Each structure stands twice: as structure tokens, then as C-alpha cells.
PDB file of N, CA and C in Angstrom:
ATOM      1  N   UNK A   1       0.820  -1.195   0.000  1.00  0.00           N
ATOM      2  CA  UNK A   1       0.000   0.000   0.000  1.00  0.00           C
ATOM      3  C   UNK A   1       0.864   1.259   0.000  1.00  0.00           C
ATOM      4  N   UNK A   2       1.888   1.338   0.861  1.00  0.00           N
ATOM      5  CA  UNK A   2       2.662   2.576   0.983  1.00  0.00           C
ATOM      6  C   UNK A   2       3.455   2.886  -0.275  1.00  0.00           C
ATOM      7  N   UNK A   3       3.802   1.875  -1.070  1.00  0.00           N
ATOM      8  CA  UNK A   3       4.596   2.135  -2.265  1.00  0.00           C
ATOM      9  C   UNK A   3       3.785   2.782  -3.381  1.00  0.00           C
ATOM     10  N   UNK A   4       2.466   2.875  -3.236  1.00  0.00           N
ATOM     11  CA  UNK A   4       1.648   3.546  -4.248  1.00  0.00           C
ATOM     12  C   UNK A   4       1.305   4.981  -3.862  1.00  0.00           C
ATOM     13  N   UNK A   5       1.707   5.415  -2.658  1.00  0.00           N
ATOM     14  CA  UNK A   5       1.425   6.776  -2.224  1.00  0.00           C
ATOM     15  C   UNK A   5       2.451   7.739  -2.802  1.00  0.00           C
ATOM     16  N   UNK A   6       2.008   8.924  -3.127  1.00  0.00           N
ATOM     17  CA  UNK A   6       2.904   9.947  -3.668  1.00  0.00           C
ATOM     18  C   UNK A   6       2.918  11.143  -2.729  1.00  0.00           C
ATOM     19  N   UNK A   7       3.923  12.001  -2.888  1.00  0.00           N
ATOM     20  CA  UNK A   7       3.937  13.234  -2.112  1.00  0.00           C
ATOM     21  C   UNK A   7       3.474  14.385  -2.994  1.00  0.00           C
ATOM     22  N   UNK A   8       3.394  15.563  -2.434  1.00  0.00           N
ATOM     23  CA  UNK A   8       2.997  16.741  -3.192  1.00  0.00           C
ATOM     24  C   UNK A   8       3.969  16.953  -4.343  1.00  0.00           C
ATOM     25  N   UNK A   9       3.450  17.279  -5.518  1.00  0.00           N
ATOM     26  CA  UNK A   9       4.295  17.584  -6.651  1.00  0.00           C
ATOM     27  C   UNK A   9       4.591  16.409  -7.559  1.00  0.00           C
ATOM     28  N   UNK A  10       4.207  15.206  -7.185  1.00  0.00           N
ATOM     29  CA  UNK A  10       4.476  14.050  -8.025  1.00  0.00           C
ATOM     30  C   UNK A  10       3.386  13.885  -9.071  1.00  0.00           C
ATOM     31  N   UNK A  11       3.615  12.982 -10.013  1.00  0.00           N
ATOM     32  CA  UNK A  11       2.670  12.793 -11.107  1.00  0.00           C
ATOM     33  C   UNK A  11       1.889  11.485 -11.000  1.00  0.00           C
ATOM     34  N   UNK A  12       2.125  10.701  -9.964  1.00  0.00           N
ATOM     35  CA  UNK A  12       1.416   9.445  -9.791  1.00  0.00           C
ATOM     36  C   UNK A  12      -0.068   9.688  -9.506  1.00  0.00           C
ATOM     37  N   UNK A  13      -0.850   8.619  -9.599  1.00  0.00           N
ATOM     38  CA  UNK A  13      -2.299   8.732  -9.428  1.00  0.00           C
ATOM     39  C   UNK A  13      -2.721   8.936  -7.979  1.00  0.00           C
ATOM     40  N   UNK A  14      -1.935   8.474  -7.001  1.00  0.00           N
ATOM     41  CA  UNK A  14      -2.323   8.552  -5.594  1.00  0.00           C
ATOM     42  C   UNK A  14      -1.688   9.755  -4.912  1.00  0.00           C
ATOM     43  N   UNK A  15      -2.082  10.933  -5.359  1.00  0.00           N
ATOM     44  CA  UNK A  15      -1.577  12.166  -4.774  1.00  0.00           C
ATOM     45  C   UNK A  15      -2.274  12.443  -3.447  1.00  0.00           C
ATOM     46  N   UNK A  16      -1.639  13.198  -2.562  1.00  0.00           N
ATOM     47  CA  UNK A  16      -2.285  13.500  -1.275  1.00  0.00           C
ATOM     48  C   UNK A  16      -3.470  14.445  -1.438  1.00  0.00           C
ATOM     49  N   UNK A  17      -4.490  14.201  -0.640  1.00  0.00           N
ATOM     50  CA  UNK A  17      -5.621  15.113  -0.567  1.00  0.00           C
ATOM     51  C   UNK A  17      -5.209  16.365   0.190  1.00  0.00           C
ATOM     52  N   UNK A  18      -4.434  16.162   1.233  1.00  0.00           N
ATOM     53  CA  UNK A  18      -3.937  17.259   2.052  1.00  0.00           C
ATOM     54  C   UNK A  18      -2.663  16.801   2.749  1.00  0.00           C
ATOM     55  N   UNK A  19      -1.920  17.735   3.279  1.00  0.00           N
ATOM     56  CA  UNK A  19      -0.749  17.395   4.081  1.00  0.00           C
ATOM     57  C   UNK A  19      -0.608  18.443   5.172  1.00  0.00           C
ATOM     58  N   UNK A  20       0.094  18.072   6.228  1.00  0.00           N
ATOM     59  CA  UNK A  20       0.249  18.979   7.357  1.00  0.00           C
ATOM     60  C   UNK A  20       1.542  18.652   8.097  1.00  0.00           C
ATOM     61  N   UNK A  21       1.994  19.593   8.869  1.00  0.00           N
ATOM     62  CA  UNK A  21       3.185  19.372   9.698  1.00  0.00           C
ATOM     63  C   UNK A  21       2.791  18.602  10.959  1.00  0.00           C
ATOM     64  N   UNK A  22       3.761  17.934  11.536  1.00  0.00           N
ATOM     65  CA  UNK A  22       3.582  17.189  12.778  1.00  0.00           C
ATOM     66  C   UNK A  22       4.397  17.888  13.853  1.00  0.00           C
ATOM     67  N   UNK A  23       3.811  18.027  15.034  1.00  0.00           N
ATOM     68  CA  UNK A  23       4.457  18.757  16.117  1.00  0.00           C
ATOM     69  C   UNK A  23       4.667  17.860  17.332  1.00  0.00           C
ATOM     70  N   UNK A  24       5.847  17.950  17.939  1.00  0.00           N
ATOM     71  CA  UNK A  24       6.138  17.218  19.164  1.00  0.00           C
ATOM     72  C   UNK A  24       5.528  17.969  20.336  1.00  0.00           C
ATOM     73  N   UNK A  25       4.818  17.274  21.216  1.00  0.00           N
ATOM     74  CA  UNK A  25       4.138  17.919  22.337  1.00  0.00           C
ATOM     75  C   UNK A  25       5.077  18.264  23.490  1.00  0.00           C
ATOM     76  N   UNK A  26       6.370  17.945  23.351  1.00  0.00           N
ATOM     77  CA  UNK A  26       7.337  18.254  24.397  1.00  0.00           C
ATOM     78  C   UNK A  26       7.460  17.186  25.459  1.00  0.00           C
ATOM     79  N   UNK A  27       6.617  16.162  25.382  1.00  0.00           N
ATOM     80  CA  UNK A  27       6.649  15.098  26.392  1.00  0.00           C
ATOM     81  C   UNK A  27       6.886  13.744  25.732  1.00  0.00           C
ATOM     82  N   UNK A  28       5.873  13.249  25.018  1.00  0.00           N
ATOM     83  CA  UNK A  28       6.026  11.893  24.492  1.00  0.00           C
ATOM     84  C   UNK A  28       5.215  11.583  23.237  1.00  0.00           C
ATOM     85  N   UNK A  29       4.605  12.560  22.612  1.00  0.00           N
ATOM     86  CA  UNK A  29       3.849  12.238  21.406  1.00  0.00           C
ATOM     87  C   UNK A  29       3.931  13.352  20.376  1.00  0.00           C
ATOM     88  N   UNK A  30       3.649  12.958  19.155  1.00  0.00           N
ATOM     89  CA  UNK A  30       3.639  13.889  18.032  1.00  0.00           C
ATOM     90  C   UNK A  30       2.195  14.052  17.576  1.00  0.00           C
ATOM     91  N   UNK A  31       1.775  15.278  17.380  1.00  0.00           N
ATOM     92  CA  UNK A  31       0.386  15.567  17.038  1.00  0.00           C
ATOM     93  C   UNK A  31       0.291  16.210  15.660  1.00  0.00           C
ATOM     94  N   UNK A  32      -0.820  15.938  14.996  1.00  0.00           N
ATOM     95  CA  UNK A  32      -1.131  16.604  13.744  1.00  0.00           C
ATOM     96  C   UNK A  32      -2.639  16.773  13.651  1.00  0.00           C
ATOM     97  N   UNK A  33      -3.059  17.674  12.811  1.00  0.00           N
ATOM     98  CA  UNK A  33      -4.488  17.901  12.643  1.00  0.00           C
ATOM     99  C   UNK A  33      -4.752  18.392  11.237  1.00  0.00           C
ATOM    100  N   UNK A  34      -5.802  17.829  10.613  1.00  0.00           N
ATOM    101  CA  UNK A  34      -6.304  18.351   9.354  1.00  0.00           C
ATOM    102  C   UNK A  34      -7.792  18.576   9.550  1.00  0.00           C
ATOM    103  N   UNK A  35      -8.364  19.403   8.745  1.00  0.00           N
ATOM    104  CA  UNK A  35      -9.785  19.682   8.911  1.00  0.00           C
ATOM    105  C   UNK A  35     -10.523  19.756   7.594  1.00  0.00           C
ATOM    106  N   UNK A  36     -11.821  19.717   7.691  1.00  0.00           N
ATOM    107  CA  UNK A  36     -12.719  19.891   6.548  1.00  0.00           C
ATOM    108  C   UNK A  36     -12.458  18.857   5.455  1.00  0.00           C
ATOM    109  N   UNK A  37     -12.472  17.584   5.845  1.00  0.00           N
ATOM    110  CA  UNK A  37     -12.301  16.485   4.910  1.00  0.00           C
ATOM    111  C   UNK A  37     -13.665  15.831   4.703  1.00  0.00           C
ATOM    112  N   UNK A  38     -13.992  15.559   3.455  1.00  0.00           N
ATOM    113  CA  UNK A  38     -15.270  14.921   3.147  1.00  0.00           C
ATOM    114  C   UNK A  38     -15.338  13.527   3.772  1.00  0.00           C
ATOM    115  N   UNK A  39     -16.548  13.071   4.076  1.00  0.00           N
ATOM    116  CA  UNK A  39     -16.733  11.714   4.588  1.00  0.00           C
ATOM    117  C   UNK A  39     -16.261  10.720   3.540  1.00  0.00           C
ATOM    118  N   UNK A  40     -15.700   9.608   3.989  1.00  0.00           N
ATOM    119  CA  UNK A  40     -15.223   8.591   3.064  1.00  0.00           C
ATOM    120  C   UNK A  40     -14.028   7.849   3.618  1.00  0.00           C
ATOM    121  N   UNK A  41     -13.420   7.032   2.772  1.00  0.00           N
ATOM    122  CA  UNK A  41     -12.269   6.220   3.166  1.00  0.00           C
ATOM    123  C   UNK A  41     -10.993   6.851   2.639  1.00  0.00           C
ATOM    124  N   UNK A  42      -9.963   6.832   3.485  1.00  0.00           N
ATOM    125  CA  UNK A  42      -8.686   7.440   3.160  1.00  0.00           C
ATOM    126  C   UNK A  42      -7.553   6.577   3.686  1.00  0.00           C
ATOM    127  N   UNK A  43      -6.378   6.752   3.116  1.00  0.00           N
ATOM    128  CA  UNK A  43      -5.152   6.203   3.671  1.00  0.00           C
ATOM    129  C   UNK A  43      -4.358   7.378   4.205  1.00  0.00           C
ATOM    130  N   UNK A  44      -3.995   7.317   5.484  1.00  0.00           N
ATOM    131  CA  UNK A  44      -3.142   8.359   6.048  1.00  0.00           C
ATOM    132  C   UNK A  44      -1.758   7.759   6.256  1.00  0.00           C
ATOM    133  N   UNK A  45      -0.744   8.578   6.061  1.00  0.00           N
ATOM    134  CA  UNK A  45       0.628   8.098   6.181  1.00  0.00           C
ATOM    135  C   UNK A  45       1.501   9.218   6.706  1.00  0.00           C
ATOM    136  N   UNK A  46       2.631   8.845   7.312  1.00  0.00           N
ATOM    137  CA  UNK A  46       3.548   9.890   7.747  1.00  0.00           C
ATOM    138  C   UNK A  46       4.969   9.551   7.340  1.00  0.00           C
ATOM    139  N   UNK A  47       5.758  10.612   7.269  1.00  0.00           N
ATOM    140  CA  UNK A  47       7.151  10.510   6.878  1.00  0.00           C
ATOM    141  C   UNK A  47       7.974  11.454   7.747  1.00  0.00           C
ATOM    142  N   UNK A  48       9.222  11.121   7.932  1.00  0.00           N
ATOM    143  CA  UNK A  48      10.152  12.010   8.632  1.00  0.00           C
ATOM    144  C   UNK A  48      11.161  12.582   7.646  1.00  0.00           C
ATOM    145  N   UNK A  49      10.777  12.680   6.397  1.00  0.00           N
ATOM    146  CA  UNK A  49      11.656  13.158   5.333  1.00  0.00           C
ATOM    147  C   UNK A  49      11.669  14.684   5.329  1.00  0.00           C
ATOM    148  N   UNK A  50      12.525  15.269   6.146  1.00  0.00           N
ATOM    149  CA  UNK A  50      12.563  16.730   6.282  1.00  0.00           C
ATOM    150  C   UNK A  50      13.230  17.411   5.099  1.00  0.00           C
ATOM    151  N   UNK A  51      13.907  16.649   4.242  1.00  0.00           N
ATOM    152  CA  UNK A  51      14.578  17.247   3.089  1.00  0.00           C
ATOM    153  C   UNK A  51      13.729  17.181   1.827  1.00  0.00           C
ATOM    154  N   UNK A  52      12.507  16.692   1.913  1.00  0.00           N
ATOM    155  CA  UNK A  52      11.648  16.567   0.742  1.00  0.00           C
ATOM    156  C   UNK A  52      11.264  17.935   0.197  1.00  0.00           C
ATOM    157  N   UNK A  53      11.338  18.088  -1.104  1.00  0.00           N
ATOM    158  CA  UNK A  53      10.888  19.308  -1.772  1.00  0.00           C
ATOM    159  C   UNK A  53       9.527  19.013  -2.400  1.00  0.00           C
ATOM    160  N   UNK A  54       8.434  19.555  -1.857  1.00  0.00           N
ATOM    161  CA  UNK A  54       7.100  19.219  -2.352  1.00  0.00           C
ATOM    162  C   UNK A  54       6.840  19.670  -3.785  1.00  0.00           C
ATOM    163  N   UNK A  55       7.699  20.498  -4.339  1.00  0.00           N
ATOM    164  CA  UNK A  55       7.530  20.961  -5.715  1.00  0.00           C
ATOM    165  C   UNK A  55       8.199  20.035  -6.729  1.00  0.00           C
ATOM    166  N   UNK A  56       8.977  19.057  -6.275  1.00  0.00           N
ATOM    167  CA  UNK A  56       9.693  18.154  -7.172  1.00  0.00           C
ATOM    168  C   UNK A  56       9.079  16.767  -7.169  1.00  0.00           C
ATOM    169  N   UNK A  57       9.240  16.057  -8.290  1.00  0.00           N
ATOM    170  CA  UNK A  57       8.813  14.670  -8.389  1.00  0.00           C
ATOM    171  C   UNK A  57       9.950  13.790  -7.896  1.00  0.00           C
ATOM    172  N   UNK A  58      10.090  13.706  -6.581  1.00  0.00           N
ATOM    173  CA  UNK A  58      11.151  12.918  -5.977  1.00  0.00           C
ATOM    174  C   UNK A  58      10.548  11.830  -5.100  1.00  0.00           C
ATOM    175  N   UNK A  59      11.370  10.889  -4.705  1.00  0.00           N
ATOM    176  CA  UNK A  59      10.891   9.796  -3.858  1.00  0.00           C
ATOM    177  C   UNK A  59      10.793  10.254  -2.411  1.00  0.00           C
ATOM    178  N   UNK A  60       9.762   9.785  -1.741  1.00  0.00           N
ATOM    179  CA  UNK A  60       9.594  10.048  -0.318  1.00  0.00           C
ATOM    180  C   UNK A  60       9.330   8.709   0.364  1.00  0.00           C
ATOM    181  N   UNK A  61       9.885   8.529   1.529  1.00  0.00           N
ATOM    182  CA  UNK A  61       9.717   7.269   2.249  1.00  0.00           C
ATOM    183  C   UNK A  61       8.695   7.472   3.360  1.00  0.00           C
ATOM    184  N   UNK A  62       7.581   6.757   3.254  1.00  0.00           N
ATOM    185  CA  UNK A  62       6.560   6.803   4.300  1.00  0.00           C
ATOM    186  C   UNK A  62       6.879   5.734   5.330  1.00  0.00           C
ATOM    187  N   UNK A  63       6.834   6.090   6.598  1.00  0.00           N
ATOM    188  CA  UNK A  63       7.184   5.183   7.687  1.00  0.00           C
ATOM    189  C   UNK A  63       6.033   4.244   8.022  1.00  0.00           C
ATOM    190  N   UNK A  64       4.853   4.784   8.018  1.00  0.00           N
ATOM    191  CA  UNK A  64       3.679   3.992   8.410  1.00  0.00           C
ATOM    192  C   UNK A  64       2.460   4.568   7.711  1.00  0.00           C
ATOM    193  N   UNK A  65       1.526   3.708   7.370  1.00  0.00           N
ATOM    194  CA  UNK A  65       0.264   4.134   6.765  1.00  0.00           C
ATOM    195  C   UNK A  65      -0.872   3.386   7.444  1.00  0.00           C
ATOM    196  N   UNK A  66      -2.036   3.988   7.386  1.00  0.00           N
ATOM    197  CA  UNK A  66      -3.203   3.371   8.022  1.00  0.00           C
ATOM    198  C   UNK A  66      -4.452   3.804   7.267  1.00  0.00           C
ATOM    199  N   UNK A  67      -5.368   2.873   7.042  1.00  0.00           N
ATOM    200  CA  UNK A  67      -6.640   3.197   6.411  1.00  0.00           C
ATOM    201  C   UNK A  67      -7.617   3.678   7.468  1.00  0.00           C
ATOM    202  N   UNK A  68      -8.346   4.746   7.156  1.00  0.00           N
ATOM    203  CA  UNK A  68      -9.369   5.267   8.055  1.00  0.00           C
ATOM    204  C   UNK A  68     -10.622   5.559   7.253  1.00  0.00           C
ATOM    205  N   UNK A  69     -11.777   5.504   7.927  1.00  0.00           N
ATOM    206  CA  UNK A  69     -13.047   5.837   7.295  1.00  0.00           C
ATOM    207  C   UNK A  69     -13.755   6.873   8.152  1.00  0.00           C
ATOM    208  N   UNK A  70     -14.071   8.002   7.544  1.00  0.00           N
ATOM    209  CA  UNK A  70     -14.820   9.053   8.234  1.00  0.00           C
ATOM    210  C   UNK A  70     -16.290   8.843   7.927  1.00  0.00           C
ATOM    211  N   UNK A  71     -17.109   8.644   8.989  1.00  0.00           N
ATOM    212  CA  UNK A  71     -18.503   8.272   8.784  1.00  0.00           C
ATOM    213  C   UNK A  71     -19.517   9.244   9.361  1.00  0.00           C
ATOM    214  N   UNK A  72     -19.099  10.114  10.271  1.00  0.00           N
ATOM    215  CA  UNK A  72     -20.046  11.021  10.919  1.00  0.00           C
ATOM    216  C   UNK A  72     -19.548  12.450  10.752  1.00  0.00           C
ATOM    217  N   UNK A  73     -20.343  13.264  10.116  1.00  0.00           N
ATOM    218  CA  UNK A  73     -19.963  14.661   9.887  1.00  0.00           C
ATOM    219  C   UNK A  73     -19.855  15.410  11.212  1.00  0.00           C
ATOM    220  N   UNK A  74     -18.811  16.207  11.359  1.00  0.00           N
ATOM    221  CA  UNK A  74     -18.630  17.015  12.559  1.00  0.00           C
ATOM    222  C   UNK A  74     -17.945  16.306  13.703  1.00  0.00           C
ATOM    223  N   UNK A  75     -17.659  15.023  13.550  1.00  0.00           N
ATOM    224  CA  UNK A  75     -17.014  14.255  14.611  1.00  0.00           C
ATOM    225  C   UNK A  75     -15.501  14.291  14.417  1.00  0.00           C
ATOM    226  N   UNK A  76     -14.752  14.487  15.487  1.00  0.00           N
ATOM    227  CA  UNK A  76     -13.299  14.457  15.438  1.00  0.00           C
ATOM    228  C   UNK A  76     -12.831  13.009  15.525  1.00  0.00           C
ATOM    229  N   UNK A  77     -12.005  12.603  14.570  1.00  0.00           N
ATOM    230  CA  UNK A  77     -11.436  11.256  14.575  1.00  0.00           C
ATOM    231  C   UNK A  77     -10.019  11.318  15.104  1.00  0.00           C
ATOM    232  N   UNK A  78      -9.657  10.389  15.949  1.00  0.00           N
ATOM    233  CA  UNK A  78      -8.289  10.304  16.473  1.00  0.00           C
ATOM    234  C   UNK A  78      -7.648   9.049  15.898  1.00  0.00           C
ATOM    235  N   UNK A  79      -6.465   9.198  15.352  1.00  0.00           N
ATOM    236  CA  UNK A  79      -5.708   8.075  14.799  1.00  0.00           C
ATOM    237  C   UNK A  79      -4.405   7.971  15.553  1.00  0.00           C
ATOM    238  N   UNK A  80      -4.080   6.775  15.996  1.00  0.00           N
ATOM    239  CA  UNK A  80      -2.832   6.522  16.714  1.00  0.00           C
ATOM    240  C   UNK A  80      -1.996   5.569  15.879  1.00  0.00           C
ATOM    241  N   UNK A  81      -0.777   5.993  15.537  1.00  0.00           N
ATOM    242  CA  UNK A  81       0.156   5.126  14.847  1.00  0.00           C
ATOM    243  C   UNK A  81       0.988   4.404  15.902  1.00  0.00           C
ATOM    244  N   UNK A  82       0.901   3.096  15.947  1.00  0.00           N
ATOM    245  CA  UNK A  82       1.736   2.308  16.852  1.00  0.00           C
ATOM    246  C   UNK A  82       2.922   1.804  16.062  1.00  0.00           C
ATOM    247  N   UNK A  83       4.108   2.218  16.480  1.00  0.00           N
ATOM    248  CA  UNK A  83       5.305   1.810  15.730  1.00  0.00           C
ATOM    249  C   UNK A  83       5.904   0.563  16.297  1.00  0.00           C
TER     250      UNK A  83
END
């Protein structure tokens, strides 16, 4: 699954719907948030590739991916990546 995901700027079919930065909470977890996503099924993935240029068609390595389904409008979904 992860080998079919693309980053911003690539020409593959599985481009990201959105992307966001991840922030360390200063204690023990990394948080991220996106908003205003239509209901449906998505694959979410994260990378620690800080040298990626989103304007170039370059390779990016995703560390983990997970399928999620948004089913209730207005509800906040929490996703936990267990490494």
C-alpha cells in the first residue's frame, strides 16, 4: 500500500488530498491535525523526510500508513500510529 502513495508535486495517481506538519508535544507524542475532509475512506501516512521538496517529483519514504473511514460529519477522529 505505501509504495503507491505519492507526495505533493508528483505525477502518480495517488496524490495527497492534504498534508500537514507534525508537532512534538514536548513530552512523548507527536500531534497533527487536518480539517474539513469529506466523509469517506482514506489512507493516512507519515514521513520524517525533512529534506523533501514538495515541488519536485522525488521519492519520499513513508514510515507507516493506516486506512481510516470518516462516517459522521462534525465528529473528530483520532488516529494513533503504533510503531
